Amino acid sequence: MTPAGFRLRNVPLLSRVGADRADTLRTDVDAAVAGWPDALLLRVDRRNQVLISQGRAVLNPATGAGETPPQDAVFLGRLDDGRHVWAIRSDLQPPDDPHAPTEVLDLRRTGDVFDDLSAQLVATATALLNWHDSARFSPVDGAPTAPVKAGWSRVDPLTGHEEFPRIDPAVICLVHDGHDRAVLARQTLWPERLFSILAGFVEAGESFESCVVREIAEEIGLTVTGVEYLGSQPWPFPRSLMVGFHALGDPEQEFSFNDGEIAEAAWFTRAEIREALDRGDWSSGGTSRLLLPGSISIAREIIESWAALD
């Protein structure tokens, strides 16, 4: 049976909303440019790192990048005070306050320190800038394309063909027995003791639910039922959307690792998982048998939500 009341306790960090995306300004070029003198700029380096200060992404004055938005700048939205926020790929620059403590942050590892606003801005900027890096030529005829709509699409100047940011949907699923055991697995490329729940990309012509069933059968050989949606989260590395589920599996069924992606899998009790959660995450080290994903990922939120059930 499905655990009663199993749902995510919190909105995954990268799914939270902290700013108005103000999508109407993407096509109102005059209004977007008019806001540039007072706008703020998020700088993302080639490693998808940003500078943070006291838990917030550093936003520099936009005019430091020119009197008007550079061609490769992307519009992220509008703050509560009306100021626009843009992003560019560039070296990181410290804030105006020389005494403000700063550090370089990799969103995949330590993004849980962000507030909601910073999480939204950095996730959106990373996704858009990664797409632009790989979409500079038309997939139709190979012609160079140019960014338009404040960085939210690219157009072939000769044919007018327009391309929009690509998103690759993937499912991520906690398999449990309906009581107090759940499956965790370790990928072949991961170090010993690093475990998480199962994930895979959605194929053409496939629903999310069908993908869950197929991926789990391929990766660990289990037949699951009762697939139910939990929540979703952007994962811009480079352009995924993680769609979370839980499903029922039979602990009596043997594991088989059919596609070579999984090195090992095991059923863990809720008590074992709670103990592992108390020890921190993958970055914590230690001698625990089980190291779990970091707080930035929806995997962590799903595991924590299941572990919190009575």
Protein backbone atom coordinates (compact mmCIF):
# COMPACT_ATOMS: atom_id res chain seq x y z
CA MET A 1 0.00 0.00 0.00
CA THR A 2 1.07 3.58 -0.63
CA PRO A 3 2.05 5.44 2.57
CA ALA A 4 -0.78 7.72 3.62
CA GLY A 5 0.04 11.39 3.23
CA PHE A 6 3.29 10.87 1.35
CA ARG A 7 4.05 14.16 -0.33
CA LEU A 8 6.95 16.54 -0.42
CA ARG A 9 7.24 18.49 2.81
CA ASN A 10 8.92 21.44 1.10
CA VAL A 11 9.11 22.91 -2.37
CA PRO A 12 12.49 21.80 -3.81
CA LEU A 13 14.98 24.65 -3.58
CA LEU A 14 15.44 25.23 -7.31
CA SER A 15 11.65 25.23 -7.83
CA ARG A 16 11.02 28.15 -5.51
CA VAL A 17 9.93 31.55 -6.79
CA GLY A 18 11.60 34.72 -5.60
CA ALA A 19 11.18 37.13 -8.52
CA ASP A 20 8.64 38.01 -11.18
CA ARG A 21 9.82 36.40 -14.42
CA ALA A 22 8.14 39.34 -16.24
CA ASP A 23 7.94 37.44 -19.51
CA THR A 24 6.14 40.32 -21.27
CA LEU A 25 9.40 42.30 -21.16
CA ARG A 26 11.13 39.70 -23.33
CA THR A 27 9.25 40.99 -26.36
CA ASP A 28 8.99 44.63 -25.26
CA VAL A 29 12.54 45.56 -26.21
CA ASP A 30 12.13 49.27 -25.47
CA ALA A 31 10.87 48.60 -21.93
CA ALA A 32 13.64 46.10 -21.24
CA VAL A 33 16.35 48.46 -22.44
CA ALA A 34 14.79 51.37 -20.56
CA GLY A 35 15.28 49.46 -17.30
CA TRP A 36 18.96 48.73 -17.95
CA PRO A 37 20.47 51.81 -16.20
CA ASP A 38 18.99 50.67 -12.87
CA ALA A 39 19.18 46.93 -13.52
CA LEU A 40 21.27 44.33 -11.70
CA LEU A 41 23.51 41.74 -13.32
CA LEU A 42 24.23 38.16 -12.31
CA ARG A 43 27.59 36.91 -13.58
CA VAL A 44 28.00 33.17 -14.17
CA ASP A 45 31.44 31.85 -15.05
CA ARG A 46 32.37 29.05 -17.46
CA ARG A 47 32.12 26.47 -14.68
CA ASN A 48 28.55 27.59 -13.84
CA GLN A 49 29.77 29.13 -10.61
CA VAL A 50 28.53 32.39 -9.09
CA LEU A 51 29.72 34.67 -6.33
CA ILE A 52 27.68 34.76 -3.13
CA SER A 53 27.66 37.01 -0.12
CA GLN A 54 25.79 36.13 3.08
CA GLY A 55 23.65 33.52 1.37
CA ARG A 56 22.65 35.63 -1.63
CA ALA A 57 23.97 35.70 -5.15
CA VAL A 58 26.05 38.81 -5.84
CA LEU A 59 24.23 41.10 -8.27
CA ASN A 60 26.43 43.79 -9.80
CA PRO A 61 25.17 47.03 -11.41
CA ALA A 62 24.24 46.14 -14.98
CA THR A 63 25.86 49.27 -16.39
CA GLY A 64 29.24 47.74 -15.57
CA ALA A 65 28.72 45.59 -18.68
CA GLY A 66 27.89 48.53 -20.95
CA GLU A 67 25.37 51.27 -21.55
CA THR A 68 22.86 48.80 -23.03
CA PRO A 69 22.37 45.03 -22.58
CA PRO A 70 25.10 43.03 -24.37
CA GLN A 71 23.85 40.82 -27.16
CA ASP A 72 24.48 37.68 -25.12
CA ALA A 73 22.76 38.94 -21.94
CA VAL A 74 19.66 37.05 -20.78
CA PHE A 75 16.75 38.64 -18.95
CA LEU A 76 15.85 36.88 -15.69
CA GLY A 77 12.99 38.91 -14.31
CA ARG A 78 12.00 41.83 -12.12
CA LEU A 79 12.50 42.33 -8.39
CA ASP A 80 9.83 43.55 -5.97
CA ASP A 81 11.29 47.07 -6.19
CA GLY A 82 10.87 47.05 -9.98
CA ARG A 83 14.52 46.67 -10.93
CA HIS A 84 15.32 44.28 -13.76
CA VAL A 85 17.81 41.43 -13.40
CA TRP A 86 19.94 40.12 -16.27
CA ALA A 87 22.70 37.54 -16.50
CA ILE A 88 25.82 37.12 -18.61
CA ARG A 89 28.59 34.56 -18.94
CA SER A 90 31.70 36.25 -17.58
CA ASP A 91 34.37 36.29 -14.92
CA LEU A 92 32.97 36.90 -11.44
CA GLN A 93 33.13 40.37 -9.91
CA PRO A 94 32.88 41.26 -6.20
CA PRO A 95 30.05 43.43 -4.86
CA ASP A 96 30.38 47.18 -4.52
CA ASP A 97 30.95 46.84 -0.78
CA PRO A 98 34.64 45.87 -0.44
CA HIS A 99 34.06 44.64 3.12
CA ALA A 100 31.28 42.17 2.23
CA PRO A 101 32.38 38.54 2.73
CA THR A 102 32.16 36.55 -0.51
CA GLU A 103 32.77 33.04 -1.77
CA VAL A 104 32.52 31.23 -5.08
CA LEU A 105 29.62 28.79 -5.16
CA ASP A 106 28.93 25.73 -7.30
CA LEU A 107 25.16 25.34 -7.42
CA ARG A 108 25.33 21.54 -7.66
CA ARG A 109 27.21 21.18 -4.40
CA THR A 110 26.35 23.98 -2.02
CA GLY A 111 23.32 25.75 -3.45
CA ASP A 112 21.27 25.04 -0.33
CA VAL A 113 22.72 28.20 1.24
CA PHE A 114 20.70 30.31 -1.21
CA ASP A 115 17.54 32.20 -0.43
CA ASP A 116 14.57 31.67 -2.78
CA LEU A 117 15.39 34.69 -4.95
CA SER A 118 18.99 33.66 -5.55
CA ALA A 119 18.02 30.04 -6.22
CA GLN A 120 15.55 31.09 -8.91
CA LEU A 121 17.90 33.57 -10.56
CA VAL A 122 20.92 31.26 -10.62
CA ALA A 123 18.93 28.23 -11.84
CA THR A 124 17.33 30.25 -14.65
CA ALA A 125 20.57 31.95 -15.66
CA THR A 126 22.51 28.69 -15.70
CA ALA A 127 19.89 26.95 -17.83
CA LEU A 128 19.69 29.77 -20.37
CA LEU A 129 23.43 30.38 -20.64
CA ASN A 130 24.17 26.66 -21.03
CA TRP A 131 21.61 26.50 -23.84
CA HIS A 132 23.11 29.50 -25.64
CA ASP A 133 26.57 27.95 -25.42
CA SER A 134 25.39 24.94 -27.43
CA ALA A 135 22.78 26.53 -29.71
CA ARG A 136 24.78 29.03 -31.73
CA PHE A 137 24.01 27.33 -35.05
CA SER A 138 20.68 26.40 -36.60
CA PRO A 139 19.80 22.68 -36.36
CA VAL A 140 18.03 23.08 -39.71
CA ASP A 141 20.80 24.37 -41.97
CA GLY A 142 23.80 25.06 -39.72
CA ALA A 143 23.58 28.82 -40.15
CA PRO A 144 24.73 31.04 -37.26
CA THR A 145 21.83 32.16 -35.07
CA ALA A 146 21.37 35.31 -33.01
CA PRO A 147 19.73 35.68 -29.58
CA VAL A 148 16.40 37.52 -29.47
CA LYS A 149 13.61 38.10 -26.95
CA ALA A 150 16.10 39.09 -24.25
CA GLY A 151 17.91 35.79 -24.56
CA TRP A 152 14.85 33.53 -24.52
CA SER A 153 15.14 32.35 -28.12
CA ARG A 154 17.55 32.34 -31.07
CA VAL A 155 16.72 33.13 -34.69
CA ASP A 156 18.33 32.31 -38.01
CA PRO A 157 18.62 35.81 -39.56
CA LEU A 158 18.31 34.42 -43.10
CA THR A 159 15.33 32.08 -42.77
CA GLY A 160 13.64 33.44 -39.65
CA HIS A 161 13.61 29.97 -38.11
CA GLU A 162 13.33 30.34 -34.32
CA GLU A 163 14.64 27.98 -31.66
CA PHE A 164 13.71 28.01 -27.97
CA PRO A 165 15.67 26.78 -24.94
CA ARG A 166 15.78 23.00 -24.89
CA ILE A 167 14.68 21.11 -21.77
CA ASP A 168 15.35 17.40 -21.26
CA PRO A 169 12.70 15.83 -18.97
CA ALA A 170 13.87 13.11 -16.60
CA VAL A 171 12.04 11.12 -13.94
CA ILE A 172 13.38 10.45 -10.47
CA CYS A 173 11.62 7.91 -8.27
CA LEU A 174 11.73 6.53 -4.75
CA VAL A 175 10.80 2.84 -4.78
CA HIS A 176 9.39 1.64 -1.45
CA ASP A 177 7.49 -1.37 -0.13
CA GLY A 178 4.51 0.59 1.20
CA HIS A 179 5.78 0.24 4.76
CA ASP A 180 9.21 1.08 6.12
CA ARG A 181 11.71 0.04 3.44
CA ALA A 182 12.95 1.87 0.34
CA VAL A 183 15.46 1.15 -2.42
CA LEU A 184 18.62 3.18 -2.78
CA ALA A 185 21.22 2.57 -5.47
CA ARG A 186 24.77 3.54 -6.39
CA GLN A 187 25.80 4.37 -9.94
CA THR A 188 28.91 2.69 -11.33
CA LEU A 189 30.79 6.00 -11.54
CA TRP A 190 30.07 7.02 -7.95
CA PRO A 191 32.45 6.39 -5.04
CA GLU A 192 31.63 3.70 -2.49
CA ARG A 193 28.76 4.43 -0.06
CA LEU A 194 27.18 7.17 -2.20
CA PHE A 195 23.55 6.20 -2.77
CA SER A 196 20.43 7.90 -4.11
CA ILE A 197 17.07 7.12 -5.65
CA LEU A 198 16.65 6.08 -9.28
CA ALA A 199 16.43 8.42 -12.26
CA GLY A 200 16.42 8.37 -16.04
CA PHE A 201 15.55 10.41 -19.12
CA VAL A 202 12.14 10.28 -20.75
CA GLU A 203 12.15 8.80 -24.25
CA ALA A 204 10.26 10.09 -27.27
CA GLY A 205 6.62 9.03 -27.23
CA GLU A 206 6.75 8.06 -23.54
CA SER A 207 4.78 9.31 -20.54
CA PHE A 208 6.45 10.11 -17.24
CA GLU A 209 4.76 7.17 -15.54
CA SER A 210 5.78 4.73 -18.26
CA CYS A 211 9.32 6.03 -18.03
CA VAL A 212 9.42 5.32 -14.29
CA VAL A 213 8.38 1.70 -14.85
CA ARG A 214 10.84 1.20 -17.72
CA GLU A 215 13.82 2.87 -16.10
CA ILE A 216 13.50 0.98 -12.82
CA ALA A 217 13.17 -2.33 -14.66
CA GLU A 218 16.22 -1.50 -16.79
CA GLU A 219 18.38 -0.24 -13.94
CA ILE A 220 17.64 -2.67 -11.09
CA GLY A 221 15.23 -5.25 -12.53
CA LEU A 222 12.24 -4.47 -10.31
CA THR A 223 8.65 -4.31 -11.53
CA VAL A 224 6.95 -1.35 -9.86
CA THR A 225 3.31 -0.35 -9.56
CA GLY A 226 1.33 2.52 -8.08
CA VAL A 227 3.45 5.25 -9.66
CA GLU A 228 2.46 8.62 -8.18
CA TYR A 229 3.69 12.16 -8.82
CA LEU A 230 5.43 14.12 -6.05
CA GLY A 231 6.91 17.30 -7.55
CA SER A 232 9.47 18.68 -9.97
CA GLN A 233 12.66 20.70 -10.07
CA PRO A 234 14.80 22.28 -12.79
CA TRP A 235 18.30 20.85 -12.92
CA PRO A 236 20.25 23.06 -15.35
CA PHE A 237 23.29 20.80 -15.76
CA PRO A 238 23.01 21.29 -18.58
CA ARG A 239 19.22 21.47 -19.17
CA SER A 240 17.21 18.84 -17.30
CA LEU A 241 13.83 19.01 -15.60
CA MET A 242 13.59 16.41 -12.83
CA VAL A 243 10.06 15.09 -12.30
CA GLY A 244 9.69 13.25 -9.00
CA PHE A 245 7.61 10.15 -8.25
CA HIS A 246 7.26 7.32 -5.78
CA ALA A 247 6.25 3.74 -6.62
CA LEU A 248 5.70 0.37 -4.99
CA GLY A 249 8.21 -2.46 -5.32
CA ASP A 250 8.44 -6.00 -3.96
CA PRO A 251 11.40 -6.67 -1.64
CA GLU A 252 11.17 -10.38 -2.52
CA GLN A 253 12.01 -9.67 -6.15
CA GLU A 254 15.70 -10.01 -6.93
CA PHE A 255 17.75 -7.12 -8.28
CA SER A 256 19.28 -7.34 -11.74
CA PHE A 257 21.44 -4.59 -13.16
CA ASN A 258 20.50 -4.68 -16.83
CA ASP A 259 21.88 -1.50 -18.38
CA GLY A 260 25.22 -1.22 -16.61
CA GLU A 261 24.45 2.12 -14.93
CA ILE A 262 23.93 0.75 -11.41
CA ALA A 263 26.72 -0.93 -9.44
CA GLU A 264 24.63 -1.95 -6.43
CA ALA A 265 21.23 -1.46 -4.84
CA ALA A 266 19.68 -2.42 -1.52
CA TRP A 267 16.56 -2.07 0.57
CA PHE A 268 17.09 0.24 3.54
CA THR A 269 14.79 0.70 6.50
CA ARG A 270 13.37 4.07 7.42
CA ALA A 271 15.51 4.03 10.56
CA GLU A 272 18.68 3.47 8.52
CA ILE A 273 17.80 6.29 6.15
CA ARG A 274 16.97 8.64 9.01
CA GLU A 275 20.35 7.92 10.55
CA ALA A 276 22.09 8.65 7.25
CA LEU A 277 20.16 11.91 6.87
CA ASP A 278 21.24 12.98 10.33
CA ARG A 279 24.88 12.56 9.28
CA GLY A 280 24.58 15.20 6.53
CA ASP A 281 25.04 14.54 2.83
CA TRP A 282 27.57 13.40 0.23
CA SER A 283 29.95 16.21 1.17
CA SER A 284 30.02 15.23 4.85
CA GLY A 285 32.39 12.27 4.51
CA GLY A 286 32.67 10.12 7.60
CA THR A 287 32.43 6.35 7.93
CA SER A 288 28.67 5.88 7.57
CA ARG A 289 27.58 2.98 5.38
CA LEU A 290 25.26 5.33 3.56
CA LEU A 291 25.90 8.80 2.15
CA LEU A 292 22.90 10.58 0.60
CA PRO A 293 22.39 13.45 -1.90
CA GLY A 294 22.84 17.08 -0.94
CA SER A 295 20.03 19.43 -0.02
CA ILE A 296 20.06 21.19 -3.40
CA SER A 297 18.52 18.16 -5.16
CA ILE A 298 14.93 16.99 -5.34
CA ALA A 299 16.30 13.52 -4.53
CA ARG A 300 17.13 14.75 -1.03
CA GLU A 301 13.69 16.30 -0.57
CA ILE A 302 11.96 13.07 -1.66
CA ILE A 303 14.10 10.94 0.66
CA GLU A 304 13.61 13.30 3.59
CA SER A 305 9.85 13.45 3.03
CA TRP A 306 9.56 9.66 2.97
CA ALA A 307 11.82 9.25 6.01
CA ALA A 308 9.64 11.68 7.99
CA LEU A 309 6.57 9.46 7.68
CA ASP A 310 5.47 7.68 10.85
